Structure formats: structure tokens, C-alpha cells
N, C-alpha and C. Protein backbone atom coordinates (compact mmCIF):
# COMPACT_ATOMS: atom_id res chain seq x y z
N MET A 1 16.12 -4.15 10.96
CA MET A 1 15.25 -3.85 9.83
C MET A 1 15.55 -2.45 9.32
N ARG A 2 15.95 -2.35 8.06
CA ARG A 2 16.28 -1.06 7.47
C ARG A 2 15.01 -0.40 6.93
N ILE A 3 14.62 0.71 7.50
CA ILE A 3 13.41 1.42 7.08
C ILE A 3 13.70 2.18 5.79
N ILE A 4 12.75 2.13 4.86
CA ILE A 4 12.87 2.88 3.61
C ILE A 4 12.42 4.31 3.87
N ARG A 5 13.39 5.21 3.98
CA ARG A 5 13.09 6.60 4.33
C ARG A 5 13.41 7.59 3.22
N THR A 6 14.41 7.29 2.40
CA THR A 6 14.90 8.26 1.43
C THR A 6 15.12 7.62 0.06
N SER A 7 15.38 8.46 -0.91
CA SER A 7 15.69 7.96 -2.25
C SER A 7 16.97 7.14 -2.26
N ASP A 8 17.89 7.46 -1.34
CA ASP A 8 19.11 6.66 -1.24
C ASP A 8 18.79 5.22 -0.84
N ASP A 9 17.78 5.04 0.00
CA ASP A 9 17.36 3.69 0.38
C ASP A 9 16.79 2.95 -0.83
N ILE A 10 16.04 3.67 -1.68
CA ILE A 10 15.51 3.06 -2.90
C ILE A 10 16.67 2.63 -3.80
N ASP A 11 17.67 3.48 -3.95
CA ASP A 11 18.82 3.15 -4.80
C ASP A 11 19.57 1.93 -4.26
N ALA A 12 19.73 1.88 -2.94
CA ALA A 12 20.39 0.72 -2.34
C ALA A 12 19.58 -0.54 -2.59
N GLY A 13 18.26 -0.43 -2.48
CA GLY A 13 17.40 -1.58 -2.72
C GLY A 13 17.46 -2.04 -4.16
N LEU A 14 17.48 -1.12 -5.11
CA LEU A 14 17.56 -1.50 -6.52
C LEU A 14 18.87 -2.22 -6.82
N ALA A 15 19.95 -1.71 -6.25
CA ALA A 15 21.25 -2.38 -6.44
C ALA A 15 21.21 -3.78 -5.84
N GLY A 16 20.60 -3.90 -4.68
CA GLY A 16 20.49 -5.22 -4.04
C GLY A 16 19.63 -6.17 -4.85
N LEU A 17 18.56 -5.65 -5.45
CA LEU A 17 17.66 -6.50 -6.23
C LEU A 17 18.36 -7.08 -7.46
N VAL A 18 19.18 -6.28 -8.12
CA VAL A 18 19.90 -6.78 -9.30
C VAL A 18 20.85 -7.90 -8.91
N MET A 19 21.45 -7.80 -7.73
CA MET A 19 22.33 -8.87 -7.26
C MET A 19 21.54 -10.15 -6.96
N LEU A 20 20.29 -9.98 -6.53
CA LEU A 20 19.46 -11.13 -6.20
C LEU A 20 18.84 -11.78 -7.44
N ASP A 21 18.51 -10.95 -8.44
CA ASP A 21 17.83 -11.44 -9.64
C ASP A 21 18.24 -10.57 -10.81
N ALA A 22 19.14 -11.08 -11.65
CA ALA A 22 19.69 -10.30 -12.75
C ALA A 22 18.63 -9.85 -13.74
N ARG A 23 17.48 -10.55 -13.80
CA ARG A 23 16.42 -10.16 -14.72
C ARG A 23 15.86 -8.78 -14.39
N LEU A 24 16.01 -8.35 -13.15
CA LEU A 24 15.44 -7.08 -12.74
C LEU A 24 16.20 -5.88 -13.30
N GLU A 25 17.40 -6.10 -13.79
CA GLU A 25 18.14 -4.99 -14.41
C GLU A 25 17.37 -4.44 -15.60
N HIS A 26 16.80 -5.34 -16.39
CA HIS A 26 15.98 -4.92 -17.54
C HIS A 26 14.74 -4.16 -17.06
N VAL A 27 14.12 -4.63 -15.99
CA VAL A 27 12.93 -3.96 -15.46
C VAL A 27 13.29 -2.57 -14.98
N ILE A 28 14.41 -2.43 -14.31
CA ILE A 28 14.87 -1.12 -13.82
C ILE A 28 15.11 -0.18 -14.99
N ASP A 29 15.73 -0.68 -16.05
CA ASP A 29 15.99 0.16 -17.23
C ASP A 29 14.69 0.66 -17.86
N ARG A 30 13.67 -0.20 -17.88
CA ARG A 30 12.41 0.15 -18.52
C ARG A 30 11.51 1.01 -17.63
N ALA A 31 11.68 0.89 -16.32
CA ALA A 31 10.77 1.56 -15.39
C ALA A 31 11.02 3.04 -15.25
N GLY A 32 12.26 3.47 -15.46
CA GLY A 32 12.58 4.86 -15.19
C GLY A 32 12.70 5.12 -13.70
N PRO A 33 12.61 6.38 -13.27
CA PRO A 33 12.79 6.70 -11.84
C PRO A 33 11.77 5.95 -10.97
N VAL A 34 12.26 5.44 -9.85
CA VAL A 34 11.39 4.72 -8.90
C VAL A 34 11.14 5.66 -7.72
N PRO A 35 9.92 6.17 -7.56
CA PRO A 35 9.66 7.16 -6.51
C PRO A 35 9.59 6.53 -5.12
N LEU A 36 9.90 7.35 -4.13
CA LEU A 36 9.86 6.92 -2.73
C LEU A 36 8.43 6.73 -2.26
N ARG A 37 7.59 7.75 -2.46
CA ARG A 37 6.17 7.71 -2.11
C ARG A 37 5.92 7.27 -0.67
N ARG A 38 6.43 8.03 0.29
CA ARG A 38 6.17 7.77 1.70
C ARG A 38 5.12 8.73 2.24
N THR A 39 4.34 8.27 3.18
CA THR A 39 3.40 9.11 3.90
C THR A 39 3.46 8.74 5.36
N ASP A 40 3.01 9.62 6.24
CA ASP A 40 3.16 9.39 7.67
C ASP A 40 2.30 8.22 8.15
N PRO A 41 2.79 7.45 9.10
CA PRO A 41 1.98 6.40 9.70
C PRO A 41 0.90 6.99 10.60
N GLY A 42 -0.03 6.15 11.00
CA GLY A 42 -1.11 6.60 11.87
C GLY A 42 -2.46 6.39 11.22
N TYR A 43 -3.50 6.85 11.88
CA TYR A 43 -4.85 6.60 11.38
C TYR A 43 -5.07 7.21 10.00
N ARG A 44 -4.62 8.44 9.79
CA ARG A 44 -4.87 9.11 8.51
C ARG A 44 -4.29 8.30 7.35
N GLY A 45 -3.08 7.79 7.53
CA GLY A 45 -2.45 7.03 6.46
C GLY A 45 -3.21 5.76 6.13
N LEU A 46 -3.63 5.03 7.17
CA LEU A 46 -4.38 3.80 6.93
C LEU A 46 -5.75 4.10 6.34
N ALA A 47 -6.39 5.16 6.80
CA ALA A 47 -7.70 5.55 6.26
C ALA A 47 -7.60 5.86 4.77
N ASN A 48 -6.54 6.53 4.36
CA ASN A 48 -6.35 6.85 2.95
C ASN A 48 -6.26 5.58 2.11
N ILE A 49 -5.57 4.58 2.62
CA ILE A 49 -5.44 3.31 1.90
C ILE A 49 -6.78 2.60 1.81
N ILE A 50 -7.53 2.60 2.90
CA ILE A 50 -8.86 1.97 2.90
C ILE A 50 -9.77 2.64 1.87
N VAL A 51 -9.74 3.96 1.82
CA VAL A 51 -10.57 4.70 0.86
C VAL A 51 -10.19 4.33 -0.57
N SER A 52 -8.91 4.05 -0.83
CA SER A 52 -8.44 3.81 -2.19
C SER A 52 -8.69 2.38 -2.68
N GLN A 53 -9.16 1.50 -1.80
CA GLN A 53 -9.37 0.11 -2.19
C GLN A 53 -10.47 -0.01 -3.25
N MET A 54 -10.18 -0.75 -4.30
CA MET A 54 -11.18 -1.18 -5.27
C MET A 54 -11.90 -0.04 -5.99
N VAL A 55 -11.29 1.14 -6.03
CA VAL A 55 -11.85 2.23 -6.81
C VAL A 55 -10.72 2.88 -7.60
N SER A 56 -11.08 3.67 -8.60
CA SER A 56 -10.06 4.36 -9.38
C SER A 56 -9.37 5.40 -8.52
N LYS A 57 -8.19 5.80 -8.96
CA LYS A 57 -7.46 6.82 -8.21
C LYS A 57 -8.25 8.13 -8.18
N ALA A 58 -8.92 8.46 -9.29
CA ALA A 58 -9.71 9.70 -9.34
C ALA A 58 -10.87 9.65 -8.34
N SER A 59 -11.54 8.50 -8.27
CA SER A 59 -12.65 8.36 -7.33
C SER A 59 -12.18 8.47 -5.89
N ALA A 60 -11.07 7.80 -5.59
CA ALA A 60 -10.52 7.85 -4.23
C ALA A 60 -10.14 9.27 -3.86
N ALA A 61 -9.51 9.98 -4.80
CA ALA A 61 -9.10 11.36 -4.53
C ALA A 61 -10.32 12.26 -4.27
N ALA A 62 -11.40 12.03 -5.00
CA ALA A 62 -12.60 12.84 -4.82
C ALA A 62 -13.23 12.58 -3.45
N ILE A 63 -13.30 11.31 -3.05
CA ILE A 63 -13.84 10.97 -1.73
C ILE A 63 -12.99 11.60 -0.64
N TRP A 64 -11.68 11.46 -0.77
CA TRP A 64 -10.76 11.99 0.24
C TRP A 64 -10.88 13.51 0.35
N LYS A 65 -11.03 14.17 -0.79
CA LYS A 65 -11.17 15.63 -0.78
C LYS A 65 -12.44 16.04 -0.03
N ARG A 66 -13.54 15.32 -0.26
CA ARG A 66 -14.78 15.63 0.45
C ARG A 66 -14.62 15.40 1.96
N MET A 67 -13.93 14.32 2.32
CA MET A 67 -13.71 14.05 3.75
C MET A 67 -12.88 15.16 4.39
N GLU A 68 -11.81 15.55 3.71
CA GLU A 68 -10.95 16.62 4.25
C GLU A 68 -11.72 17.94 4.35
N GLY A 69 -12.56 18.22 3.34
CA GLY A 69 -13.32 19.46 3.35
C GLY A 69 -14.30 19.52 4.52
N SER A 70 -14.82 18.37 4.90
CA SER A 70 -15.78 18.34 6.00
C SER A 70 -15.12 18.22 7.37
N LEU A 71 -14.10 17.35 7.45
CA LEU A 71 -13.50 17.03 8.75
C LEU A 71 -12.28 17.88 9.08
N GLY A 72 -11.65 18.43 8.05
CA GLY A 72 -10.36 19.08 8.30
C GLY A 72 -9.32 18.00 8.50
N GLU A 73 -8.91 17.79 9.72
CA GLU A 73 -7.97 16.71 10.02
C GLU A 73 -8.74 15.38 10.07
N ILE A 74 -8.28 14.42 9.29
CA ILE A 74 -8.92 13.11 9.29
C ILE A 74 -8.27 12.27 10.39
N SER A 75 -8.99 12.17 11.50
CA SER A 75 -8.48 11.46 12.67
C SER A 75 -9.47 10.38 13.07
N ALA A 76 -9.01 9.48 13.94
CA ALA A 76 -9.89 8.42 14.42
C ALA A 76 -11.10 9.01 15.14
N ALA A 77 -10.88 10.01 15.97
CA ALA A 77 -11.99 10.61 16.71
C ALA A 77 -12.99 11.27 15.78
N ALA A 78 -12.50 11.96 14.75
CA ALA A 78 -13.40 12.62 13.80
C ALA A 78 -14.25 11.62 13.03
N VAL A 79 -13.64 10.51 12.64
CA VAL A 79 -14.37 9.49 11.88
C VAL A 79 -15.42 8.81 12.75
N LEU A 80 -15.10 8.59 14.02
CA LEU A 80 -16.07 7.97 14.92
C LEU A 80 -17.30 8.85 15.11
N ALA A 81 -17.16 10.14 14.89
CA ALA A 81 -18.29 11.06 15.08
C ALA A 81 -19.21 11.12 13.86
N LEU A 82 -18.81 10.49 12.75
CA LEU A 82 -19.62 10.53 11.54
C LEU A 82 -20.84 9.62 11.66
N ASP A 83 -21.93 10.04 11.01
CA ASP A 83 -23.08 9.15 10.91
C ASP A 83 -23.16 8.59 9.49
N ASP A 84 -24.13 7.72 9.25
CA ASP A 84 -24.25 7.06 7.95
C ASP A 84 -24.47 8.05 6.82
N ASP A 85 -25.25 9.10 7.08
CA ASP A 85 -25.50 10.10 6.04
C ASP A 85 -24.22 10.82 5.64
N ASN A 86 -23.40 11.16 6.63
CA ASN A 86 -22.12 11.80 6.32
C ASN A 86 -21.30 10.91 5.39
N CYS A 87 -21.21 9.64 5.71
CA CYS A 87 -20.39 8.71 4.94
C CYS A 87 -20.91 8.57 3.51
N ARG A 88 -22.24 8.52 3.36
CA ARG A 88 -22.81 8.44 2.01
C ARG A 88 -22.52 9.70 1.22
N GLN A 89 -22.57 10.85 1.88
CA GLN A 89 -22.28 12.11 1.18
C GLN A 89 -20.84 12.16 0.70
N PHE A 90 -19.94 11.57 1.44
CA PHE A 90 -18.55 11.52 1.01
C PHE A 90 -18.36 10.59 -0.19
N GLY A 91 -19.28 9.63 -0.37
CA GLY A 91 -19.13 8.64 -1.43
C GLY A 91 -18.58 7.32 -0.94
N LEU A 92 -18.52 7.15 0.38
CA LEU A 92 -18.02 5.91 0.95
C LEU A 92 -19.07 4.81 0.87
N SER A 93 -18.66 3.63 0.46
CA SER A 93 -19.56 2.48 0.54
C SER A 93 -19.78 2.13 2.00
N ARG A 94 -20.84 1.38 2.27
CA ARG A 94 -21.11 0.99 3.65
C ARG A 94 -19.95 0.17 4.21
N ALA A 95 -19.39 -0.72 3.37
CA ALA A 95 -18.30 -1.58 3.85
C ALA A 95 -17.07 -0.73 4.23
N LYS A 96 -16.74 0.26 3.41
CA LYS A 96 -15.58 1.10 3.72
C LYS A 96 -15.83 1.95 4.95
N ALA A 97 -17.03 2.49 5.06
CA ALA A 97 -17.35 3.29 6.24
C ALA A 97 -17.24 2.45 7.50
N ASP A 98 -17.73 1.23 7.44
CA ASP A 98 -17.65 0.34 8.61
C ASP A 98 -16.20 0.03 8.96
N THR A 99 -15.37 -0.21 7.94
CA THR A 99 -13.96 -0.51 8.21
C THR A 99 -13.26 0.69 8.82
N LEU A 100 -13.51 1.88 8.28
CA LEU A 100 -12.91 3.09 8.83
C LEU A 100 -13.29 3.27 10.30
N ARG A 101 -14.53 2.99 10.61
CA ARG A 101 -14.99 3.14 11.99
C ARG A 101 -14.37 2.08 12.90
N ARG A 102 -14.28 0.85 12.42
CA ARG A 102 -13.69 -0.21 13.26
C ARG A 102 -12.22 0.08 13.56
N VAL A 103 -11.49 0.54 12.56
CA VAL A 103 -10.09 0.89 12.79
C VAL A 103 -10.00 2.07 13.76
N ALA A 104 -10.87 3.06 13.57
CA ALA A 104 -10.88 4.23 14.46
C ALA A 104 -11.17 3.81 15.89
N ALA A 105 -12.16 2.93 16.07
CA ALA A 105 -12.52 2.48 17.42
C ALA A 105 -11.37 1.73 18.07
N ALA A 106 -10.69 0.90 17.29
CA ALA A 106 -9.56 0.14 17.84
C ALA A 106 -8.42 1.08 18.23
N ALA A 107 -8.19 2.11 17.41
CA ALA A 107 -7.11 3.06 17.71
C ALA A 107 -7.44 3.88 18.95
N VAL A 108 -8.68 4.37 19.05
CA VAL A 108 -9.07 5.19 20.20
C VAL A 108 -9.05 4.37 21.49
N ALA A 109 -9.44 3.11 21.39
CA ALA A 109 -9.47 2.24 22.57
C ALA A 109 -8.09 1.72 22.96
N GLY A 110 -7.09 2.00 22.14
CA GLY A 110 -5.75 1.52 22.43
C GLY A 110 -5.55 0.05 22.11
N GLU A 111 -6.46 -0.51 21.31
CA GLU A 111 -6.35 -1.92 20.95
C GLU A 111 -5.31 -2.15 19.86
N ILE A 112 -4.98 -1.09 19.12
CA ILE A 112 -3.93 -1.17 18.12
C ILE A 112 -3.17 0.15 18.11
N ASP A 113 -1.86 0.06 17.99
CA ASP A 113 -0.98 1.23 17.94
C ASP A 113 -0.45 1.32 16.51
N LEU A 114 -1.05 2.20 15.73
CA LEU A 114 -0.70 2.27 14.31
C LEU A 114 0.67 2.85 14.05
N ASP A 115 1.24 3.53 15.02
CA ASP A 115 2.63 3.97 14.92
C ASP A 115 3.58 2.87 15.38
N GLY A 116 3.29 2.30 16.54
CA GLY A 116 4.16 1.26 17.08
C GLY A 116 4.24 0.03 16.21
N ILE A 117 3.15 -0.27 15.49
CA ILE A 117 3.12 -1.47 14.66
C ILE A 117 4.13 -1.39 13.52
N CYS A 118 4.56 -0.18 13.22
CA CYS A 118 5.54 0.01 12.14
C CYS A 118 6.92 -0.53 12.50
N ASN A 119 7.15 -0.80 13.78
CA ASN A 119 8.49 -1.20 14.23
C ASN A 119 8.62 -2.70 14.49
N ILE A 120 7.58 -3.47 14.12
CA ILE A 120 7.67 -4.91 14.31
C ILE A 120 7.77 -5.61 12.96
N GLU A 121 8.11 -6.87 12.98
CA GLU A 121 8.29 -7.61 11.73
C GLU A 121 6.96 -7.72 10.99
N ALA A 122 7.06 -7.81 9.67
CA ALA A 122 5.87 -7.76 8.83
C ALA A 122 4.81 -8.81 9.16
N PRO A 123 5.16 -10.09 9.34
CA PRO A 123 4.10 -11.07 9.61
C PRO A 123 3.27 -10.73 10.85
N ALA A 124 3.93 -10.29 11.92
CA ALA A 124 3.22 -9.94 13.14
C ALA A 124 2.38 -8.68 12.93
N ALA A 125 2.90 -7.71 12.22
CA ALA A 125 2.16 -6.48 11.96
C ALA A 125 0.93 -6.75 11.10
N ILE A 126 1.09 -7.58 10.08
CA ILE A 126 -0.03 -7.93 9.21
C ILE A 126 -1.10 -8.67 10.01
N HIS A 127 -0.67 -9.55 10.91
CA HIS A 127 -1.62 -10.29 11.74
C HIS A 127 -2.44 -9.34 12.60
N GLU A 128 -1.80 -8.35 13.20
CA GLU A 128 -2.52 -7.38 14.04
C GLU A 128 -3.50 -6.55 13.23
N LEU A 129 -3.06 -6.09 12.08
CA LEU A 129 -3.92 -5.23 11.27
C LEU A 129 -5.12 -6.00 10.73
N THR A 130 -4.88 -7.20 10.23
CA THR A 130 -5.97 -7.96 9.62
C THR A 130 -6.91 -8.57 10.65
N ALA A 131 -6.57 -8.46 11.93
CA ALA A 131 -7.50 -8.90 12.98
C ALA A 131 -8.71 -7.98 13.06
N ILE A 132 -8.59 -6.77 12.49
CA ILE A 132 -9.71 -5.84 12.43
C ILE A 132 -10.55 -6.18 11.20
N LYS A 133 -11.81 -6.48 11.40
CA LYS A 133 -12.69 -6.86 10.30
C LYS A 133 -12.70 -5.78 9.23
N GLY A 134 -12.51 -6.19 7.98
CA GLY A 134 -12.50 -5.26 6.86
C GLY A 134 -11.11 -4.88 6.40
N VAL A 135 -10.10 -5.12 7.23
CA VAL A 135 -8.71 -4.85 6.85
C VAL A 135 -8.11 -6.15 6.34
N GLY A 136 -7.88 -6.21 5.05
CA GLY A 136 -7.32 -7.40 4.44
C GLY A 136 -5.81 -7.33 4.29
N ARG A 137 -5.26 -8.38 3.73
CA ARG A 137 -3.80 -8.46 3.59
C ARG A 137 -3.26 -7.31 2.73
N TRP A 138 -3.96 -7.01 1.61
CA TRP A 138 -3.47 -5.94 0.74
C TRP A 138 -3.38 -4.63 1.50
N THR A 139 -4.43 -4.30 2.24
CA THR A 139 -4.45 -3.05 3.01
C THR A 139 -3.31 -3.01 4.01
N ALA A 140 -3.12 -4.10 4.72
CA ALA A 140 -2.06 -4.16 5.73
C ALA A 140 -0.68 -4.02 5.08
N GLU A 141 -0.47 -4.71 3.97
CA GLU A 141 0.84 -4.66 3.31
C GLU A 141 1.13 -3.28 2.75
N VAL A 142 0.12 -2.64 2.16
CA VAL A 142 0.33 -1.31 1.60
C VAL A 142 0.62 -0.30 2.72
N TYR A 143 -0.05 -0.47 3.86
CA TYR A 143 0.24 0.40 5.01
C TYR A 143 1.70 0.23 5.44
N LEU A 144 2.15 -1.00 5.56
CA LEU A 144 3.54 -1.23 5.98
C LEU A 144 4.51 -0.69 4.95
N LEU A 145 4.18 -0.80 3.70
CA LEU A 145 5.09 -0.36 2.64
C LEU A 145 5.20 1.16 2.59
N PHE A 146 4.05 1.84 2.51
CA PHE A 146 4.08 3.29 2.28
C PHE A 146 4.10 4.12 3.56
N CYS A 147 3.50 3.64 4.62
CA CYS A 147 3.44 4.43 5.85
C CYS A 147 4.55 4.05 6.82
N ALA A 148 4.85 2.76 6.93
CA ALA A 148 5.89 2.32 7.86
C ALA A 148 7.27 2.33 7.22
N GLY A 149 7.34 2.30 5.89
CA GLY A 149 8.63 2.20 5.22
C GLY A 149 9.27 0.84 5.39
N HIS A 150 8.43 -0.19 5.62
CA HIS A 150 8.97 -1.53 5.80
C HIS A 150 9.69 -1.97 4.52
N PRO A 151 10.86 -2.57 4.63
CA PRO A 151 11.66 -2.86 3.44
C PRO A 151 11.28 -4.13 2.70
N ASP A 152 10.49 -5.02 3.32
CA ASP A 152 10.39 -6.37 2.75
C ASP A 152 8.95 -6.86 2.66
N VAL A 153 8.11 -6.06 1.99
CA VAL A 153 6.71 -6.41 1.80
C VAL A 153 6.38 -6.29 0.31
N PHE A 154 5.72 -7.29 -0.24
CA PHE A 154 5.31 -7.23 -1.65
C PHE A 154 3.83 -7.60 -1.72
N PRO A 155 2.94 -6.63 -2.00
CA PRO A 155 1.50 -6.92 -2.03
C PRO A 155 1.11 -7.72 -3.29
N SER A 156 1.31 -9.01 -3.24
CA SER A 156 1.14 -9.85 -4.43
C SER A 156 -0.30 -9.93 -4.89
N GLY A 157 -1.26 -9.54 -4.04
CA GLY A 157 -2.65 -9.51 -4.46
C GLY A 157 -3.01 -8.29 -5.27
N ASP A 158 -2.10 -7.35 -5.42
CA ASP A 158 -2.36 -6.13 -6.19
C ASP A 158 -2.37 -6.46 -7.68
N VAL A 159 -3.48 -6.17 -8.34
CA VAL A 159 -3.64 -6.55 -9.75
C VAL A 159 -2.62 -5.84 -10.63
N ALA A 160 -2.33 -4.58 -10.34
CA ALA A 160 -1.34 -3.85 -11.15
C ALA A 160 0.03 -4.51 -11.05
N LEU A 161 0.41 -4.93 -9.85
CA LEU A 161 1.69 -5.61 -9.69
C LEU A 161 1.69 -6.95 -10.42
N GLN A 162 0.59 -7.67 -10.36
CA GLN A 162 0.50 -8.93 -11.09
C GLN A 162 0.67 -8.69 -12.59
N ASN A 163 -0.01 -7.67 -13.10
CA ASN A 163 0.11 -7.35 -14.53
C ASN A 163 1.53 -6.94 -14.90
N ALA A 164 2.15 -6.13 -14.04
CA ALA A 164 3.50 -5.65 -14.33
C ALA A 164 4.50 -6.79 -14.32
N VAL A 165 4.42 -7.66 -13.32
CA VAL A 165 5.33 -8.80 -13.25
C VAL A 165 5.12 -9.71 -14.46
N GLY A 166 3.86 -9.98 -14.80
CA GLY A 166 3.58 -10.83 -15.95
C GLY A 166 4.11 -10.24 -17.24
N HIS A 167 3.94 -8.94 -17.43
CA HIS A 167 4.42 -8.26 -18.63
C HIS A 167 5.94 -8.28 -18.69
N ALA A 168 6.58 -7.97 -17.58
CA ALA A 168 8.04 -7.89 -17.56
C ALA A 168 8.69 -9.24 -17.82
N PHE A 169 8.07 -10.31 -17.34
CA PHE A 169 8.66 -11.64 -17.45
C PHE A 169 8.03 -12.49 -18.55
N GLY A 170 7.19 -11.89 -19.37
CA GLY A 170 6.67 -12.58 -20.54
C GLY A 170 5.63 -13.65 -20.27
N PHE A 171 4.84 -13.50 -19.23
CA PHE A 171 3.75 -14.45 -18.96
C PHE A 171 2.66 -14.28 -20.03
N GLU A 172 2.09 -15.37 -20.48
CA GLU A 172 0.97 -15.28 -21.42
C GLU A 172 -0.29 -14.79 -20.71
N LEU A 173 -0.48 -15.23 -19.48
CA LEU A 173 -1.62 -14.82 -18.68
C LEU A 173 -1.12 -14.11 -17.42
N ARG A 174 -1.94 -13.25 -16.87
CA ARG A 174 -1.55 -12.56 -15.64
C ARG A 174 -1.29 -13.58 -14.54
N PRO A 175 -0.12 -13.51 -13.89
CA PRO A 175 0.18 -14.47 -12.82
C PRO A 175 -0.74 -14.25 -11.62
N SER A 176 -0.99 -15.34 -10.91
CA SER A 176 -1.82 -15.26 -9.71
C SER A 176 -1.02 -14.68 -8.55
N ALA A 177 -1.73 -14.36 -7.48
CA ALA A 177 -1.05 -13.87 -6.28
C ALA A 177 -0.06 -14.90 -5.76
N ILE A 178 -0.42 -16.17 -5.84
CA ILE A 178 0.48 -17.23 -5.36
C ILE A 178 1.75 -17.28 -6.21
N GLU A 179 1.59 -17.15 -7.53
CA GLU A 179 2.77 -17.16 -8.42
C GLU A 179 3.66 -15.95 -8.16
N VAL A 180 3.04 -14.78 -7.97
CA VAL A 180 3.82 -13.57 -7.71
C VAL A 180 4.51 -13.68 -6.35
N ASP A 181 3.82 -14.22 -5.37
CA ASP A 181 4.44 -14.45 -4.05
C ASP A 181 5.70 -15.29 -4.19
N SER A 182 5.60 -16.34 -5.00
CA SER A 182 6.73 -17.24 -5.17
C SER A 182 7.91 -16.52 -5.83
N LEU A 183 7.62 -15.72 -6.85
CA LEU A 183 8.68 -14.95 -7.50
C LEU A 183 9.30 -13.94 -6.54
N ALA A 184 8.44 -13.24 -5.81
CA ALA A 184 8.91 -12.17 -4.94
C ALA A 184 9.74 -12.69 -3.77
N ALA A 185 9.57 -13.95 -3.41
CA ALA A 185 10.33 -14.50 -2.29
C ALA A 185 11.83 -14.35 -2.52
N SER A 186 12.25 -14.43 -3.78
CA SER A 186 13.68 -14.34 -4.07
C SER A 186 14.20 -12.91 -4.01
N TRP A 187 13.30 -11.93 -3.86
CA TRP A 187 13.71 -10.52 -3.80
C TRP A 187 13.84 -10.01 -2.37
N SER A 188 13.64 -10.89 -1.41
CA SER A 188 13.84 -10.52 0.00
C SER A 188 15.34 -10.29 0.24
N PRO A 189 15.74 -9.28 0.99
CA PRO A 189 14.97 -8.42 1.91
C PRO A 189 14.54 -7.08 1.33
N TRP A 190 14.41 -7.00 -0.02
CA TRP A 190 14.09 -5.73 -0.67
C TRP A 190 12.76 -5.79 -1.41
N ARG A 191 11.81 -6.56 -0.92
CA ARG A 191 10.57 -6.72 -1.67
C ARG A 191 9.77 -5.42 -1.78
N SER A 192 9.88 -4.54 -0.80
CA SER A 192 9.15 -3.27 -0.88
C SER A 192 9.70 -2.38 -1.99
N VAL A 193 11.00 -2.45 -2.20
CA VAL A 193 11.59 -1.70 -3.32
C VAL A 193 11.18 -2.35 -4.63
N ALA A 194 11.11 -3.67 -4.66
CA ALA A 194 10.65 -4.37 -5.86
C ALA A 194 9.21 -3.98 -6.20
N ALA A 195 8.36 -3.85 -5.18
CA ALA A 195 6.99 -3.42 -5.44
C ALA A 195 6.96 -2.03 -6.06
N ARG A 196 7.72 -1.10 -5.49
CA ARG A 196 7.79 0.24 -6.07
C ARG A 196 8.31 0.19 -7.50
N LEU A 197 9.28 -0.66 -7.74
CA LEU A 197 9.85 -0.81 -9.09
C LEU A 197 8.78 -1.26 -10.07
N PHE A 198 8.01 -2.26 -9.71
CA PHE A 198 7.02 -2.78 -10.65
C PHE A 198 5.84 -1.83 -10.81
N TRP A 199 5.49 -1.04 -9.80
CA TRP A 199 4.49 0.00 -10.00
C TRP A 199 5.01 1.05 -10.99
N ALA A 200 6.30 1.41 -10.86
CA ALA A 200 6.89 2.36 -11.80
C ALA A 200 6.93 1.78 -13.21
N TYR A 201 7.26 0.51 -13.30
CA TYR A 201 7.27 -0.19 -14.60
C TYR A 201 5.87 -0.18 -15.21
N TYR A 202 4.86 -0.44 -14.39
CA TYR A 202 3.48 -0.45 -14.85
C TYR A 202 3.09 0.91 -15.41
N ALA A 203 3.48 1.96 -14.70
CA ALA A 203 3.16 3.32 -15.15
C ALA A 203 3.86 3.66 -16.47
N ARG A 204 5.11 3.25 -16.61
CA ARG A 204 5.90 3.60 -17.79
C ARG A 204 5.55 2.72 -19.00
N GLU A 205 5.51 1.42 -18.78
CA GLU A 205 5.36 0.49 -19.89
C GLU A 205 3.90 0.22 -20.26
N MET A 206 3.00 0.35 -19.28
CA MET A 206 1.60 0.04 -19.53
C MET A 206 0.73 1.29 -19.44
N ARG A 207 1.40 2.42 -19.24
CA ARG A 207 0.77 3.75 -19.31
C ARG A 207 -0.40 3.92 -18.36
N ARG A 208 -0.25 3.40 -17.15
CA ARG A 208 -1.31 3.56 -16.16
C ARG A 208 -0.69 3.84 -14.79
N ASP A 209 -1.36 4.73 -14.05
CA ASP A 209 -0.91 5.07 -12.70
C ASP A 209 -1.68 4.24 -11.72
N ALA A 210 -1.00 3.33 -11.02
CA ALA A 210 -1.72 2.38 -10.17
C ALA A 210 -1.29 2.43 -8.72
N LEU A 211 -0.48 3.40 -8.34
CA LEU A 211 -0.09 3.46 -6.93
C LEU A 211 -1.31 3.63 -6.05
N PRO A 212 -1.42 2.83 -4.98
CA PRO A 212 -2.66 2.78 -4.23
C PRO A 212 -2.79 3.79 -3.10
N VAL A 213 -1.90 4.74 -2.99
CA VAL A 213 -1.98 5.68 -1.89
C VAL A 213 -1.43 7.02 -2.34
N THR A 214 -2.04 8.09 -1.86
CA THR A 214 -1.59 9.44 -2.20
C THR A 214 -0.85 10.04 -1.00
N PRO A 215 0.41 10.40 -1.16
CA PRO A 215 1.16 10.96 -0.03
C PRO A 215 0.66 12.36 0.32
């Protein structure tokens, strides 16, 4: 498994994608530079993704800033020490606070190794992550993509990616996650680079920043 670590890996992936699907050459031309956007694996990285779920990037950044201001280092142990009032003051919903705590408890108890999980194949890693209540497929896939550098993950449930794929390929309606999954299957083993490509396309062509994690 080739880990996506550098911009050279992105370039190799883009070249590979064009060989797999010639239509992507047009998408690459329109998208402009495709950023690497890597962040370290571990509890902090997964917590950042959980915080960013279902809220605007500005809202997620504000919540994260308040958490960092209070906790300093955002670690599993620090999050386990929070009470409900702390979480409300940060702006966390009850569901997100509960998910952050469950992941923290699993990490502290050794029930999940958030670093080690980066070195196994995506289906097994997703299965382990989503076994924790509140961690869905999107969260698991985004963790593998941005924190693990996994090369072959495409979060087809991401609305921005659905919109970008639909726009690039001329869909009248936004394609469903199932339709995007089917399209993305042909981009293996470079689906993670394809996801970065379509996020870049979305930012350039649809004038919106939709990346779900802040490095």
C-alpha cells in the first residue's frame, strides 16, 4: 500500500487517474493545484474530523479554537476529563461530545490503536472505526484519507464530492452516494487522490471550500 505522503505522490496519483479514466484530464485542468492536506494520525486528528461533521468550516474552526484554548493539547485523556458544561461552552452538540468521549475511552483503554489502524487495509480499518458508536463511514474514510494517507478511499457520502462529480460529468441531479461509489470504483487504486482532485475542483469551479479537516 503506497501511503500518500508528499506532493509527488499526488502527482503520481493524478497521472495514474488519467490512465484509468481519460475524462479526469479535463477535471484536472479545471481544478488547478491539488493540495496534499495531510495531518498527523491519532486522537487529535480524528477529533478534528468529528468536530467538523455537519457544520460549516467557520463553525468547526471556532469550536476547535475554543477547545484548544481550554485544553491546550487535545488528547483522549483531556477530553475524558470534560464535563457536559465544558462541551456546551465549546459549542459541541451532545452527539458530538458523546462521540468524542467514546473514541477517547476506546483509545485510552487500548480498544483501538488510531496509529496502528493506519497500516491496515481500508475495509478492515473502516470496520474498526465504525464499531465505535457515533463514528460513521464518512468520518472513518476522511480519517484514513487525511490522517493515514491511505491511497484508495473515496468518501462518496460527502455532499461536496457528490456535487463536484455531478458538475464535472454533467449530471442533471446530484448523484447519490451509490452512484458516486460506482464511478469511483474505476479510479482504484488512487481514489484518495481522486477525492482530493474533486474537492479542489469544487473549490475552483463552484467557488466553495469544502475540505472537511484542517491540518
